[in-house]
């Protein structure tokens, strides 16, 4: 029997669970403060938590061992993450979590499209149907009718 901790599916389900909790906790947490300041607090918590995990598990790497290309794309990824969080928290500040989160999850559709366009990834017909269903589902869940 295989180890579930080595499975990408296990970690993806945990990611989805924590993302759902993020929306709920954030919606309550930003009730009385500015959404950008809330994002700042969240970022500090993540920085310290991840630093502790790296040190505790011995996964810390020497910054000099990382290539310039990796740094460039990790910086770009960090900027995109920051922009995403700022937009997400602003959306949560003014909208319902149950409607904001599905629209945010259209990122799944965009990742698939960007993966094909920029990374040369290939998707089968069932994959494309799944992408269409995700997009349709996100829009239907977010619809206020």
C-alpha atoms as a PDB file:
ATOM      1  CA  UNK A   1       0.000   0.000   0.000  1.00  0.00           C
ATOM      2  CA  UNK A   2       1.398   3.409  -0.934  1.00  0.00           C
ATOM      3  CA  UNK A   3       2.105   6.214   1.496  1.00  0.00           C
ATOM      4  CA  UNK A   4      -0.639   8.899   1.266  1.00  0.00           C
ATOM      5  CA  UNK A   5       1.898  11.558   2.312  1.00  0.00           C
ATOM      6  CA  UNK A   6       3.694  10.950  -1.001  1.00  0.00           C
ATOM      7  CA  UNK A   7       0.490  11.476  -2.990  1.00  0.00           C
ATOM      8  CA  UNK A   8      -0.161  14.771  -4.764  1.00  0.00           C
ATOM      9  CA  UNK A   9      -3.890  14.134  -4.307  1.00  0.00           C
ATOM     10  CA  UNK A  10      -3.533  14.066  -0.509  1.00  0.00           C
ATOM     11  CA  UNK A  11      -1.714  17.405  -0.470  1.00  0.00           C
ATOM     12  CA  UNK A  12      -4.134  18.949  -3.002  1.00  0.00           C
ATOM     13  CA  UNK A  13      -7.132  18.000  -0.827  1.00  0.00           C
ATOM     14  CA  UNK A  14      -5.407  19.505   2.213  1.00  0.00           C
ATOM     15  CA  UNK A  15      -4.672  22.630   0.172  1.00  0.00           C
ATOM     16  CA  UNK A  16      -8.338  22.947  -0.802  1.00  0.00           C
ATOM     17  CA  UNK A  17      -9.402  22.443   2.817  1.00  0.00           C
ATOM     18  CA  UNK A  18      -7.011  25.105   4.093  1.00  0.00           C
ATOM     19  CA  UNK A  19      -8.024  27.458   1.265  1.00  0.00           C
ATOM     20  CA  UNK A  20     -11.663  27.064   2.326  1.00  0.00           C
ATOM     21  CA  UNK A  21     -10.757  27.773   5.957  1.00  0.00           C
ATOM     22  CA  UNK A  22      -8.742  30.793   4.767  1.00  0.00           C
ATOM     23  CA  UNK A  23     -11.859  32.313   3.247  1.00  0.00           C
ATOM     24  CA  UNK A  24     -13.981  31.738   6.338  1.00  0.00           C
ATOM     25  CA  UNK A  25     -11.342  32.905   8.847  1.00  0.00           C
ATOM     26  CA  UNK A  26     -10.421  35.916   6.699  1.00  0.00           C
ATOM     27  CA  UNK A  27     -14.037  37.019   6.255  1.00  0.00           C
ATOM     28  CA  UNK A  28     -14.463  37.139  10.036  1.00  0.00           C
ATOM     29  CA  UNK A  29     -11.005  38.635  10.597  1.00  0.00           C
ATOM     30  CA  UNK A  30     -11.427  41.589   8.240  1.00  0.00           C
ATOM     31  CA  UNK A  31     -14.774  42.734   9.590  1.00  0.00           C
ATOM     32  CA  UNK A  32     -13.320  45.714  11.447  1.00  0.00           C
ATOM     33  CA  UNK A  33      -9.972  46.385   9.744  1.00  0.00           C
ATOM     34  CA  UNK A  34      -8.629  47.459   6.368  1.00  0.00           C
ATOM     35  CA  UNK A  35      -8.279  44.523   3.975  1.00  0.00           C
ATOM     36  CA  UNK A  36      -4.722  45.486   2.951  1.00  0.00           C
ATOM     37  CA  UNK A  37      -3.602  45.593   6.587  1.00  0.00           C
ATOM     38  CA  UNK A  38      -5.249  42.210   7.110  1.00  0.00           C
ATOM     39  CA  UNK A  39      -3.215  40.871   4.187  1.00  0.00           C
ATOM     40  CA  UNK A  40      -0.068  42.268   5.815  1.00  0.00           C
ATOM     41  CA  UNK A  41      -0.819  40.455   9.100  1.00  0.00           C
ATOM     42  CA  UNK A  42      -1.547  37.223   7.231  1.00  0.00           C
ATOM     43  CA  UNK A  43       1.745  37.521   5.341  1.00  0.00           C
ATOM     44  CA  UNK A  44       3.753  37.976   8.548  1.00  0.00           C
ATOM     45  CA  UNK A  45       2.117  34.895  10.055  1.00  0.00           C
ATOM     46  CA  UNK A  46       2.928  32.852   6.949  1.00  0.00           C
ATOM     47  CA  UNK A  47       6.532  34.096   6.899  1.00  0.00           C
ATOM     48  CA  UNK A  48       7.195  33.076  10.497  1.00  0.00           C
ATOM     49  CA  UNK A  49       5.281  29.787  10.280  1.00  0.00           C
ATOM     50  CA  UNK A  50       7.077  28.686   7.136  1.00  0.00           C
ATOM     51  CA  UNK A  51      10.450  29.788   8.483  1.00  0.00           C
ATOM     52  CA  UNK A  52       9.828  27.666  11.575  1.00  0.00           C
ATOM     53  CA  UNK A  53       8.824  24.671   9.459  1.00  0.00           C
ATOM     54  CA  UNK A  54      11.966  24.984   7.312  1.00  0.00           C
ATOM     55  CA  UNK A  55      14.218  25.161  10.351  1.00  0.00           C
ATOM     56  CA  UNK A  56      12.416  22.381  12.240  1.00  0.00           C
ATOM     57  CA  UNK A  57      12.523  19.978   9.286  1.00  0.00           C
ATOM     58  CA  UNK A  58      16.063  20.826   8.166  1.00  0.00           C
ATOM     59  CA  UNK A  59      14.905  22.021   4.760  1.00  0.00           C
ATOM     60  CA  UNK A  60      16.603  25.431   4.907  1.00  0.00           C
ATOM     61  CA  UNK A  61      18.753  26.057   1.809  1.00  0.00           C
ATOM     62  CA  UNK A  62      21.643  28.421   1.311  1.00  0.00           C
ATOM     63  CA  UNK A  63      20.375  31.405  -0.721  1.00  0.00           C
ATOM     64  CA  UNK A  64      23.562  31.175  -2.805  1.00  0.00           C
ATOM     65  CA  UNK A  65      22.616  27.697  -4.029  1.00  0.00           C
ATOM     66  CA  UNK A  66      19.593  29.033  -5.924  1.00  0.00           C
ATOM     67  CA  UNK A  67      19.921  30.024  -9.584  1.00  0.00           C
ATOM     68  CA  UNK A  68      19.144  33.503 -10.853  1.00  0.00           C
ATOM     69  CA  UNK A  69      16.368  32.085 -13.032  1.00  0.00           C
ATOM     70  CA  UNK A  70      14.756  30.449  -9.995  1.00  0.00           C
ATOM     71  CA  UNK A  71      14.993  33.717  -8.063  1.00  0.00           C
ATOM     72  CA  UNK A  72      13.412  35.651 -10.949  1.00  0.00           C
ATOM     73  CA  UNK A  73      10.428  33.331 -11.232  1.00  0.00           C
ATOM     74  CA  UNK A  74      10.000  32.978  -7.466  1.00  0.00           C
ATOM     75  CA  UNK A  75       9.985  36.779  -7.125  1.00  0.00           C
ATOM     76  CA  UNK A  76       7.405  37.009  -9.921  1.00  0.00           C
ATOM     77  CA  UNK A  77       5.379  34.280  -8.213  1.00  0.00           C
ATOM     78  CA  UNK A  78       5.597  36.149  -4.906  1.00  0.00           C
ATOM     79  CA  UNK A  79       4.411  39.369  -6.536  1.00  0.00           C
ATOM     80  CA  UNK A  80       1.516  37.526  -8.177  1.00  0.00           C
ATOM     81  CA  UNK A  81       0.638  35.884  -4.841  1.00  0.00           C
ATOM     82  CA  UNK A  82       0.692  39.239  -3.077  1.00  0.00           C
ATOM     83  CA  UNK A  83      -1.513  40.804  -5.736  1.00  0.00           C
ATOM     84  CA  UNK A  84      -3.882  37.827  -5.525  1.00  0.00           C
ATOM     85  CA  UNK A  85      -4.130  38.083  -1.729  1.00  0.00           C
ATOM     86  CA  UNK A  86      -4.758  41.831  -1.813  1.00  0.00           C
ATOM     87  CA  UNK A  87      -7.516  41.401  -4.388  1.00  0.00           C
ATOM     88  CA  UNK A  88      -8.980  38.395  -2.548  1.00  0.00           C
ATOM     89  CA  UNK A  89      -9.132  40.188   0.792  1.00  0.00           C
ATOM     90  CA  UNK A  90     -10.695  43.271  -0.812  1.00  0.00           C
ATOM     91  CA  UNK A  91     -13.296  41.059  -2.468  1.00  0.00           C
ATOM     92  CA  UNK A  92     -14.007  39.317   0.866  1.00  0.00           C
ATOM     93  CA  UNK A  93     -14.346  42.689   2.584  1.00  0.00           C
ATOM     94  CA  UNK A  94     -17.245  43.698   0.326  1.00  0.00           C
ATOM     95  CA  UNK A  95     -18.644  40.347  -0.812  1.00  0.00           C
ATOM     96  CA  UNK A  96     -19.943  37.068   0.560  1.00  0.00           C
ATOM     97  CA  UNK A  97     -17.293  34.406   1.132  1.00  0.00           C
ATOM     98  CA  UNK A  98     -19.562  31.844  -0.565  1.00  0.00           C
ATOM     99  CA  UNK A  99     -19.515  33.954  -3.740  1.00  0.00           C
ATOM    100  CA  UNK A 100     -15.986  35.349  -3.649  1.00  0.00           C
ATOM    101  CA  UNK A 101     -14.234  31.988  -3.219  1.00  0.00           C
ATOM    102  CA  UNK A 102     -15.737  30.309  -6.325  1.00  0.00           C
ATOM    103  CA  UNK A 103     -14.735  33.225  -8.543  1.00  0.00           C
ATOM    104  CA  UNK A 104     -11.257  33.114  -6.999  1.00  0.00           C
ATOM    105  CA  UNK A 105     -11.136  29.427  -7.899  1.00  0.00           C
ATOM    106  CA  UNK A 106     -11.455  30.323 -11.557  1.00  0.00           C
ATOM    107  CA  UNK A 107      -7.686  30.365 -11.109  1.00  0.00           C
ATOM    108  CA  UNK A 108      -7.943  26.599 -11.689  1.00  0.00           C
ATOM    109  CA  UNK A 109      -9.291  27.285 -15.166  1.00  0.00           C
ATOM    110  CA  UNK A 110      -6.641  29.929 -15.816  1.00  0.00           C
ATOM    111  CA  UNK A 111      -3.825  27.638 -14.636  1.00  0.00           C
ATOM    112  CA  UNK A 112      -4.976  25.001 -17.116  1.00  0.00           C
ATOM    113  CA  UNK A 113      -5.127  27.545 -19.948  1.00  0.00           C
ATOM    114  CA  UNK A 114      -1.766  29.105 -19.030  1.00  0.00           C
ATOM    115  CA  UNK A 115      -0.197  25.657 -18.628  1.00  0.00           C
ATOM    116  CA  UNK A 116      -1.203  24.767 -22.173  1.00  0.00           C
ATOM    117  CA  UNK A 117      -0.282  28.166 -23.628  1.00  0.00           C
ATOM    118  CA  UNK A 118       3.007  28.831 -21.829  1.00  0.00           C
ATOM    119  CA  UNK A 119       4.305  25.502 -20.515  1.00  0.00           C
ATOM    120  CA  UNK A 120       3.375  23.275 -23.442  1.00  0.00           C
ATOM    121  CA  UNK A 121       1.205  21.021 -21.290  1.00  0.00           C
ATOM    122  CA  UNK A 122      -1.356  18.835 -23.042  1.00  0.00           C
ATOM    123  CA  UNK A 123      -4.904  18.214 -21.862  1.00  0.00           C
ATOM    124  CA  UNK A 124      -7.267  15.495 -23.042  1.00  0.00           C
ATOM    125  CA  UNK A 125     -10.873  16.061 -24.042  1.00  0.00           C
ATOM    126  CA  UNK A 126     -12.140  14.951 -20.596  1.00  0.00           C
ATOM    127  CA  UNK A 127      -9.726  17.489 -19.053  1.00  0.00           C
ATOM    128  CA  UNK A 128     -11.200  20.271 -21.211  1.00  0.00           C
ATOM    129  CA  UNK A 129     -14.727  19.227 -20.184  1.00  0.00           C
ATOM    130  CA  UNK A 130     -13.621  19.382 -16.551  1.00  0.00           C
ATOM    131  CA  UNK A 131     -12.250  22.899 -17.061  1.00  0.00           C
ATOM    132  CA  UNK A 132     -15.550  23.954 -18.634  1.00  0.00           C
ATOM    133  CA  UNK A 133     -17.484  22.407 -15.728  1.00  0.00           C
ATOM    134  CA  UNK A 134     -15.273  24.167 -13.168  1.00  0.00           C
ATOM    135  CA  UNK A 135     -15.806  27.509 -14.895  1.00  0.00           C
ATOM    136  CA  UNK A 136     -19.550  26.966 -15.188  1.00  0.00           C
ATOM    137  CA  UNK A 137     -19.814  25.751 -11.598  1.00  0.00           C
ATOM    138  CA  UNK A 138     -17.859  28.702 -10.214  1.00  0.00           C
ATOM    139  CA  UNK A 139     -20.078  31.155 -12.051  1.00  0.00           C
ATOM    140  CA  UNK A 140     -23.266  29.367 -10.927  1.00  0.00           C
ATOM    141  CA  UNK A 141     -22.172  29.246  -7.271  1.00  0.00           C
ATOM    142  CA  UNK A 142     -21.258  32.934  -7.373  1.00  0.00           C
ATOM    143  CA  UNK A 143     -24.516  33.914  -9.087  1.00  0.00           C
ATOM    144  CA  UNK A 144     -26.852  35.823  -6.806  1.00  0.00           C
ATOM    145  CA  UNK A 145     -30.261  35.041  -8.160  1.00  0.00           C
END
